[in-house]
Amino acid sequence: MRLLLVLAMAFSILMIYITQASFIFQGRFGLSKEAFSLIMAGAVAAMAALNLTNRWLLRFWAPITVLRSAISLQAAALVYLTALSWAGPSLALFLPGLILAIATFGVAMPNTFSSFLEFFPDISATATALMGATRFTIAGLLSALSSVLAEGGLLPIVLLMGACSLTAMGLVWGGGLRPRETGL
């Protein structure tokens, strides 16, 4: 169940970003529609790049080990963004941290799925359906909460994303999740 919540928290960060990206970049930083589109495309490209890097990483480490690293990197990026948000960040400082926090989902999702499904070899379809329903429900609720918090500015949104990330990190580093032997 812990991995189920790890994915829900990581997915919630992505959904909060999608929900609030226009507010952040066009409202807070005053970007044009074209610049906003480029940033969204950049986030997707970074996520895809980390997803491809994930394939290489899995040659050397177990999925749970790579997942722990990705979630820790995401948490570090969100701690950085939280510190920046307190000080009223510039776009040049804010954007790299946000892109990194979002891009890590390209590693987190496949490794969470892989690690989770190891526990359910005989009912993987049911387990996958449970993962989908859980992550969309939790992410939808937290995304809606982010819309309420957006009235308070950038900091409450970043704090919510950070809370999701730190929750995921606590869950993924908690006891009981052991890397399987990869044989590589």
Protein backbone atom coordinates (compact mmCIF):
# COMPACT_ATOMS: atom_id res chain seq x y z
CA MET A 1 0.00 0.00 0.00
CA ARG A 2 2.94 2.30 0.62
CA LEU A 3 3.93 2.25 -3.06
CA LEU A 4 0.35 3.02 -4.01
CA LEU A 5 0.54 6.22 -1.98
CA VAL A 6 4.02 7.06 -3.30
CA LEU A 7 2.66 7.09 -6.84
CA ALA A 8 -0.42 9.06 -5.76
CA MET A 9 1.78 11.73 -4.15
CA ALA A 10 4.17 11.96 -7.13
CA PHE A 11 1.23 12.11 -9.53
CA SER A 12 -0.40 14.79 -7.37
CA ILE A 13 2.64 17.02 -7.86
CA LEU A 14 2.26 16.66 -11.62
CA MET A 15 -1.48 17.37 -11.48
CA ILE A 16 -1.00 20.41 -9.23
CA TYR A 17 1.56 21.69 -11.71
CA ILE A 18 -0.80 21.18 -14.65
CA THR A 19 -3.63 22.87 -12.75
CA GLN A 20 -1.55 25.84 -11.61
CA ALA A 21 1.00 26.29 -14.43
CA SER A 22 -0.96 29.06 -16.12
CA PHE A 23 -1.35 30.94 -12.84
CA ILE A 24 2.35 30.51 -12.05
CA PHE A 25 3.82 31.45 -15.41
CA GLN A 26 1.31 33.82 -16.95
CA GLY A 27 -0.13 35.31 -13.77
CA ARG A 28 2.86 35.40 -11.40
CA PHE A 29 5.70 35.78 -13.89
CA GLY A 30 3.76 37.58 -16.66
CA LEU A 31 4.77 35.30 -19.53
CA SER A 32 3.08 35.36 -22.93
CA LYS A 33 1.05 32.42 -24.22
CA GLU A 34 3.93 31.47 -26.48
CA ALA A 35 6.50 31.49 -23.67
CA PHE A 36 4.11 29.53 -21.45
CA SER A 37 3.73 26.93 -24.21
CA LEU A 38 7.50 26.59 -24.49
CA ILE A 39 7.83 26.01 -20.75
CA MET A 40 5.12 23.35 -20.81
CA ALA A 41 6.86 21.66 -23.75
CA GLY A 42 10.18 21.89 -21.90
CA ALA A 43 8.71 20.15 -18.85
CA VAL A 44 7.38 17.33 -21.03
CA ALA A 45 10.74 17.02 -22.81
CA ALA A 46 12.58 16.88 -19.47
CA MET A 47 10.17 14.21 -18.22
CA ALA A 48 10.73 12.17 -21.40
CA ALA A 49 14.50 12.55 -21.09
CA LEU A 50 14.47 11.27 -17.52
CA ASN A 51 12.18 8.44 -18.57
CA LEU A 52 14.73 7.37 -21.19
CA THR A 53 17.54 7.75 -18.65
CA ASN A 54 15.54 5.47 -16.36
CA ARG A 55 15.96 2.60 -18.82
CA TRP A 56 19.72 2.96 -18.58
CA LEU A 57 19.66 3.25 -14.77
CA LEU A 58 17.70 0.01 -14.48
CA ARG A 59 20.66 -1.86 -15.98
CA PHE A 60 22.55 -1.20 -12.76
CA TRP A 61 19.99 -0.75 -9.99
CA ALA A 62 16.69 -2.22 -8.90
CA PRO A 63 13.52 -0.19 -9.61
CA ILE A 64 12.99 0.63 -5.93
CA THR A 65 16.54 2.01 -5.67
CA VAL A 66 16.03 4.25 -8.71
CA LEU A 67 12.62 5.28 -7.37
CA ARG A 68 14.11 6.33 -4.04
CA SER A 69 16.69 8.46 -5.84
CA ALA A 70 14.04 10.10 -8.05
CA ILE A 71 11.72 10.88 -5.14
CA SER A 72 14.65 12.28 -3.14
CA LEU A 73 15.69 14.47 -6.08
CA GLN A 74 12.11 15.68 -6.43
CA ALA A 75 11.96 16.51 -2.72
CA ALA A 76 15.23 18.44 -2.94
CA ALA A 77 13.88 20.43 -5.90
CA LEU A 78 10.72 21.28 -3.96
CA VAL A 79 12.64 22.30 -0.85
CA TYR A 80 14.62 24.62 -3.14
CA LEU A 81 11.39 25.99 -4.65
CA THR A 82 9.90 26.54 -1.20
CA ALA A 83 12.94 28.54 -0.11
CA LEU A 84 12.75 30.60 -3.32
CA SER A 85 9.02 31.18 -2.94
CA TRP A 86 9.55 32.75 0.49
CA ALA A 87 11.88 35.30 -1.09
CA GLY A 88 9.81 36.15 -4.18
CA PRO A 89 11.73 34.27 -6.86
CA SER A 90 12.76 35.34 -10.31
CA LEU A 91 11.74 33.11 -13.20
CA ALA A 92 15.39 32.29 -13.95
CA LEU A 93 15.81 30.78 -10.48
CA PHE A 94 12.35 29.24 -10.18
CA LEU A 95 12.07 27.49 -13.54
CA PRO A 96 14.95 24.97 -13.24
CA GLY A 97 13.72 23.74 -9.86
CA LEU A 98 10.17 23.36 -11.07
CA ILE A 99 11.19 21.57 -14.27
CA LEU A 100 13.33 19.16 -12.24
CA ALA A 101 10.51 18.49 -9.78
CA ILE A 102 8.13 17.69 -12.64
CA ALA A 103 10.63 15.75 -14.75
CA THR A 104 11.30 13.24 -11.97
CA PHE A 105 7.83 11.84 -12.57
CA GLY A 106 9.32 10.26 -15.71
CA VAL A 107 11.36 8.04 -13.40
CA ALA A 108 8.94 7.76 -10.48
CA MET A 109 5.95 6.42 -12.38
CA PRO A 110 7.47 3.38 -14.15
CA ASN A 111 9.52 2.34 -11.12
CA THR A 112 6.58 2.63 -8.76
CA PHE A 113 4.44 0.54 -11.10
CA SER A 114 7.17 -2.07 -11.45
CA SER A 115 7.86 -2.28 -7.73
CA PHE A 116 4.16 -2.33 -6.84
CA LEU A 117 3.25 -5.05 -9.32
CA GLU A 118 5.93 -7.37 -7.90
CA PHE A 119 3.63 -7.80 -4.91
CA PHE A 120 0.68 -8.88 -7.11
CA PRO A 121 1.93 -11.30 -9.77
CA ASP A 122 -1.39 -13.15 -10.04
CA ILE A 123 -3.71 -10.14 -10.03
CA SER A 124 -1.68 -7.50 -11.83
CA ALA A 125 -4.66 -6.15 -13.79
CA THR A 126 -6.64 -5.57 -10.60
CA ALA A 127 -3.60 -4.01 -8.92
CA THR A 128 -3.08 -1.69 -11.90
CA ALA A 129 -6.72 -0.62 -11.80
CA LEU A 130 -6.41 0.10 -8.08
CA MET A 131 -3.30 2.19 -8.73
CA GLY A 132 -5.06 4.20 -11.41
CA ALA A 133 -8.16 4.86 -9.34
CA THR A 134 -6.17 5.77 -6.24
CA ARG A 135 -3.72 8.12 -7.93
CA PHE A 136 -6.41 9.97 -9.91
CA THR A 137 -8.67 10.32 -6.86
CA ILE A 138 -5.96 11.64 -4.55
CA ALA A 139 -4.39 13.84 -7.25
CA GLY A 140 -7.80 15.24 -8.20
CA LEU A 141 -8.56 16.18 -4.61
CA LEU A 142 -5.15 17.77 -4.04
CA SER A 143 -5.31 19.57 -7.37
CA ALA A 144 -8.68 21.03 -6.37
CA LEU A 145 -7.19 22.08 -3.04
CA SER A 146 -4.37 23.83 -4.92
CA SER A 147 -6.96 25.97 -6.70
CA VAL A 148 -8.28 27.16 -3.35
CA LEU A 149 -4.73 27.80 -2.11
CA ALA A 150 -3.75 29.70 -5.29
CA GLU A 151 -5.55 32.76 -3.96
CA GLY A 152 -2.73 33.00 -1.41
CA GLY A 153 -0.09 33.27 -4.14
CA LEU A 154 2.76 31.03 -5.21
CA LEU A 155 4.00 29.87 -1.80
CA PRO A 156 0.91 27.84 -0.78
CA ILE A 157 1.01 25.96 -4.09
CA VAL A 158 4.70 25.15 -3.71
CA LEU A 159 4.14 24.13 -0.08
CA LEU A 160 1.38 21.71 -1.14
CA MET A 161 3.64 20.21 -3.81
CA GLY A 162 6.43 19.98 -1.24
CA ALA A 163 4.16 18.25 1.26
CA CYS A 164 3.26 15.68 -1.40
CA SER A 165 6.93 15.13 -2.20
CA LEU A 166 8.04 14.80 1.40
CA THR A 167 5.18 12.38 2.04
CA ALA A 168 6.29 10.28 -0.94
CA MET A 169 9.88 10.39 0.28
CA GLY A 170 8.91 9.25 3.77
CA LEU A 171 6.87 6.41 2.33
CA VAL A 172 9.47 5.21 -0.16
CA TRP A 173 12.31 5.31 2.37
CA GLY A 174 10.23 3.70 5.13
CA GLY A 175 10.89 0.10 6.14
CA GLY A 176 9.55 -2.89 4.27
CA LEU A 177 10.48 -1.88 0.71
CA ARG A 178 13.51 -3.91 -0.27
CA PRO A 179 15.13 -3.86 -3.68
CA ARG A 180 14.81 -7.12 -5.55
CA GLU A 181 17.90 -8.70 -7.00
CA THR A 182 18.27 -7.66 -10.61
CA GLY A 183 20.83 -10.29 -11.56
CA LEU A 184 22.70 -7.67 -13.59
